[in-house]
Amino acid sequence: MTKFIITLALALVPTFFFGQSAFDKFDGQDDITSVVINKKAFEMLGEVKPDVKQKEAAKYMKMADNIDSFKLFSTSSNKKAADMKSAFDSYRKKEGLEELLRVNDEGKNVMIYMKSGKSSSKVKELLMFIDGGDKKGEETVLISLTGDIDLANLDGLTK
């Protein structure tokens, strides 16, 4: 019994240290395509030294170094899509994310939420949900981007 309790405790410990554990349950599930890029990959990308003449590339590398994780989950299963929507709704409410954008186009909904960072130009988290609708074969997508994203660094990248 003691081994069971210790094993259970060790299994639950990671949920206290990772803010996005609400979405980690979708990773590795049948009918869900997932792309997960962790901090180490972004750190490695930040180590790439672009040519001095490539100022835009340098800005991308600097910005990538401040990203903690990128998670994308996609499904065309209505049941899995409902699970993703439920997790999205409860997470954004629990974490107090602010709505940035909402679009409804022919039954498809796009919602983007954010959590502010240390200053007005910093974003701690971006969360996007694209509801594929009820039609069979339509994709539902959940995207989470966390880190210390400085919006001032985006200046020049979008031009």
Protein backbone atom coordinates (compact mmCIF):
# COMPACT_ATOMS: atom_id res chain seq x y z
CA MET A 1 0.00 0.00 0.00
CA THR A 2 2.86 2.36 0.80
CA LYS A 3 4.39 1.76 -2.64
CA PHE A 4 1.04 2.58 -4.24
CA ILE A 5 0.75 5.88 -2.35
CA ILE A 6 4.33 6.86 -3.19
CA THR A 7 3.79 5.97 -6.87
CA LEU A 8 0.56 7.97 -6.95
CA ALA A 9 2.23 10.95 -5.28
CA LEU A 10 5.12 10.86 -7.76
CA ALA A 11 2.69 10.63 -10.66
CA LEU A 12 0.79 13.70 -9.45
CA VAL A 13 3.82 15.88 -8.67
CA PRO A 14 4.35 17.06 -12.28
CA THR A 15 0.84 18.53 -12.35
CA PHE A 16 1.90 21.03 -9.69
CA PHE A 17 4.88 22.25 -11.71
CA PHE A 18 3.52 22.56 -15.25
CA GLY A 19 0.89 25.22 -15.92
CA GLN A 20 -0.35 23.56 -19.09
CA SER A 21 -1.05 20.15 -17.61
CA ALA A 22 -4.73 20.75 -18.41
CA PHE A 23 -3.89 20.08 -22.08
CA ASP A 24 -1.18 17.46 -21.69
CA LYS A 25 -3.86 14.78 -21.48
CA PHE A 26 -4.45 15.22 -25.23
CA ASP A 27 -0.87 14.29 -26.09
CA GLY A 28 -0.62 10.73 -27.40
CA GLN A 29 -4.38 10.12 -27.70
CA ASP A 30 -5.85 8.34 -30.69
CA ASP A 31 -7.63 10.70 -33.10
CA ILE A 32 -5.60 13.70 -31.86
CA THR A 33 -2.59 15.02 -33.72
CA SER A 34 -0.20 16.77 -31.37
CA VAL A 35 2.85 18.96 -31.81
CA VAL A 36 4.73 19.79 -28.61
CA ILE A 37 7.86 21.93 -28.62
CA ASN A 38 9.49 22.42 -25.22
CA LYS A 39 11.82 25.07 -23.83
CA LYS A 40 15.00 23.13 -24.62
CA ALA A 41 14.17 23.17 -28.36
CA PHE A 42 13.61 26.92 -28.25
CA GLU A 43 16.85 27.40 -26.31
CA MET A 44 18.70 25.42 -28.97
CA LEU A 45 17.12 27.56 -31.68
CA GLY A 46 18.22 30.66 -29.77
CA GLU A 47 21.81 29.42 -29.89
CA VAL A 48 21.87 29.56 -33.69
CA LYS A 49 23.87 32.61 -34.71
CA PRO A 50 22.44 34.16 -37.89
CA ASP A 51 24.49 36.18 -40.32
CA VAL A 52 25.03 39.75 -39.08
CA LYS A 53 23.16 41.04 -42.14
CA GLN A 54 20.04 39.06 -41.20
CA LYS A 55 18.53 41.34 -38.57
CA GLU A 56 15.07 39.76 -38.86
CA ALA A 57 16.47 36.30 -38.20
CA ALA A 58 18.27 37.61 -35.12
CA LYS A 59 14.99 39.02 -33.79
CA TYR A 60 13.29 35.65 -34.31
CA MET A 61 16.12 33.87 -32.49
CA LYS A 62 15.96 36.29 -29.57
CA MET A 63 12.19 35.90 -29.32
CA ALA A 64 12.40 32.09 -29.56
CA ASP A 65 14.78 32.00 -26.61
CA ASN A 66 12.01 33.42 -24.39
CA ILE A 67 9.37 30.84 -25.33
CA ASP A 68 8.78 28.05 -22.81
CA SER A 69 6.46 25.82 -24.80
CA PHE A 70 4.32 25.50 -27.89
CA LYS A 71 1.53 22.93 -27.92
CA LEU A 72 -0.86 22.21 -30.75
CA PHE A 73 -3.61 19.60 -30.61
CA SER A 74 -5.85 18.91 -33.59
CA THR A 75 -8.71 16.49 -34.13
CA SER A 76 -11.62 15.79 -36.47
CA SER A 77 -13.38 13.59 -33.89
CA ASN A 78 -16.48 15.31 -32.47
CA LYS A 79 -16.04 13.56 -29.11
CA LYS A 80 -12.37 14.60 -28.77
CA ALA A 81 -13.24 18.11 -29.98
CA ALA A 82 -15.85 18.40 -27.20
CA ASP A 83 -13.22 17.28 -24.65
CA MET A 84 -10.77 19.88 -25.98
CA LYS A 85 -13.43 22.62 -25.85
CA SER A 86 -14.31 21.71 -22.28
CA ALA A 87 -10.65 21.77 -21.20
CA PHE A 88 -10.14 25.10 -23.01
CA ASP A 89 -13.17 26.70 -21.34
CA SER A 90 -12.33 25.55 -17.83
CA TYR A 91 -8.64 26.49 -18.19
CA ARG A 92 -9.26 30.01 -19.48
CA LYS A 93 -11.76 30.67 -16.68
CA LYS A 94 -9.55 29.17 -13.97
CA GLU A 95 -6.45 31.08 -15.12
CA GLY A 96 -8.32 34.35 -15.74
CA LEU A 97 -7.19 34.77 -19.34
CA GLU A 98 -8.31 37.88 -21.21
CA GLU A 99 -10.12 37.60 -24.51
CA LEU A 100 -8.22 39.17 -27.39
CA LEU A 101 -10.23 38.06 -30.39
CA ARG A 102 -13.32 36.10 -31.29
CA VAL A 103 -14.48 35.30 -34.82
CA ASN A 104 -17.53 33.32 -35.91
CA ASP A 105 -17.56 32.44 -39.59
CA GLU A 106 -20.08 29.97 -40.99
CA GLY A 107 -20.33 28.00 -37.76
CA LYS A 108 -16.61 27.94 -37.13
CA ASN A 109 -15.40 29.82 -34.06
CA VAL A 110 -11.92 31.17 -33.46
CA MET A 111 -11.07 32.39 -29.97
CA ILE A 112 -7.77 33.86 -28.81
CA TYR A 113 -7.02 34.55 -25.15
CA MET A 114 -3.94 35.85 -23.35
CA LYS A 115 -2.39 36.20 -19.93
CA SER A 116 -0.43 39.42 -19.44
CA GLY A 117 3.21 39.34 -18.46
CA LYS A 118 5.31 41.60 -16.25
CA SER A 119 4.65 44.70 -18.33
CA SER A 120 2.08 45.90 -20.85
CA SER A 121 4.25 44.81 -23.77
CA LYS A 122 4.81 41.30 -22.40
CA VAL A 123 2.58 38.27 -22.79
CA LYS A 124 2.94 35.24 -20.55
CA GLU A 125 0.56 32.99 -22.46
CA LEU A 126 -1.43 32.91 -25.70
CA LEU A 127 -4.23 30.38 -26.00
CA MET A 128 -6.15 29.78 -29.23
CA PHE A 129 -9.11 27.53 -29.92
CA ILE A 130 -10.51 26.93 -33.41
CA ASP A 131 -13.81 25.07 -33.31
CA GLY A 132 -14.26 23.09 -36.50
CA GLY A 133 -18.04 22.96 -36.14
CA ASP A 134 -20.32 19.94 -36.27
CA LYS A 135 -19.57 18.81 -39.82
CA LYS A 136 -17.81 15.48 -40.09
CA GLY A 137 -14.14 15.79 -41.00
CA GLU A 138 -13.77 19.41 -39.84
CA GLU A 139 -10.66 20.04 -37.72
CA THR A 140 -10.78 21.46 -34.21
CA VAL A 141 -7.48 22.96 -33.06
CA LEU A 142 -6.15 23.99 -29.65
CA ILE A 143 -2.88 25.97 -29.50
CA SER A 144 -1.00 27.06 -26.40
CA LEU A 145 2.11 29.26 -26.43
CA THR A 146 3.78 30.12 -23.12
CA GLY A 147 6.84 32.10 -22.19
CA ASP A 148 7.96 35.68 -21.77
CA ILE A 149 6.92 37.04 -25.15
CA ASP A 150 7.82 40.67 -25.69
CA LEU A 151 5.45 42.27 -28.18
CA ALA A 152 8.02 45.01 -28.83
CA ASN A 153 10.19 42.35 -30.49
CA LEU A 154 7.42 41.72 -33.02
CA ASP A 155 7.95 45.20 -34.46
CA GLY A 156 9.72 44.78 -37.77
CA LEU A 157 8.88 41.08 -38.04
CA THR A 158 5.43 41.81 -39.39
CA LYS A 159 6.56 44.37 -41.96
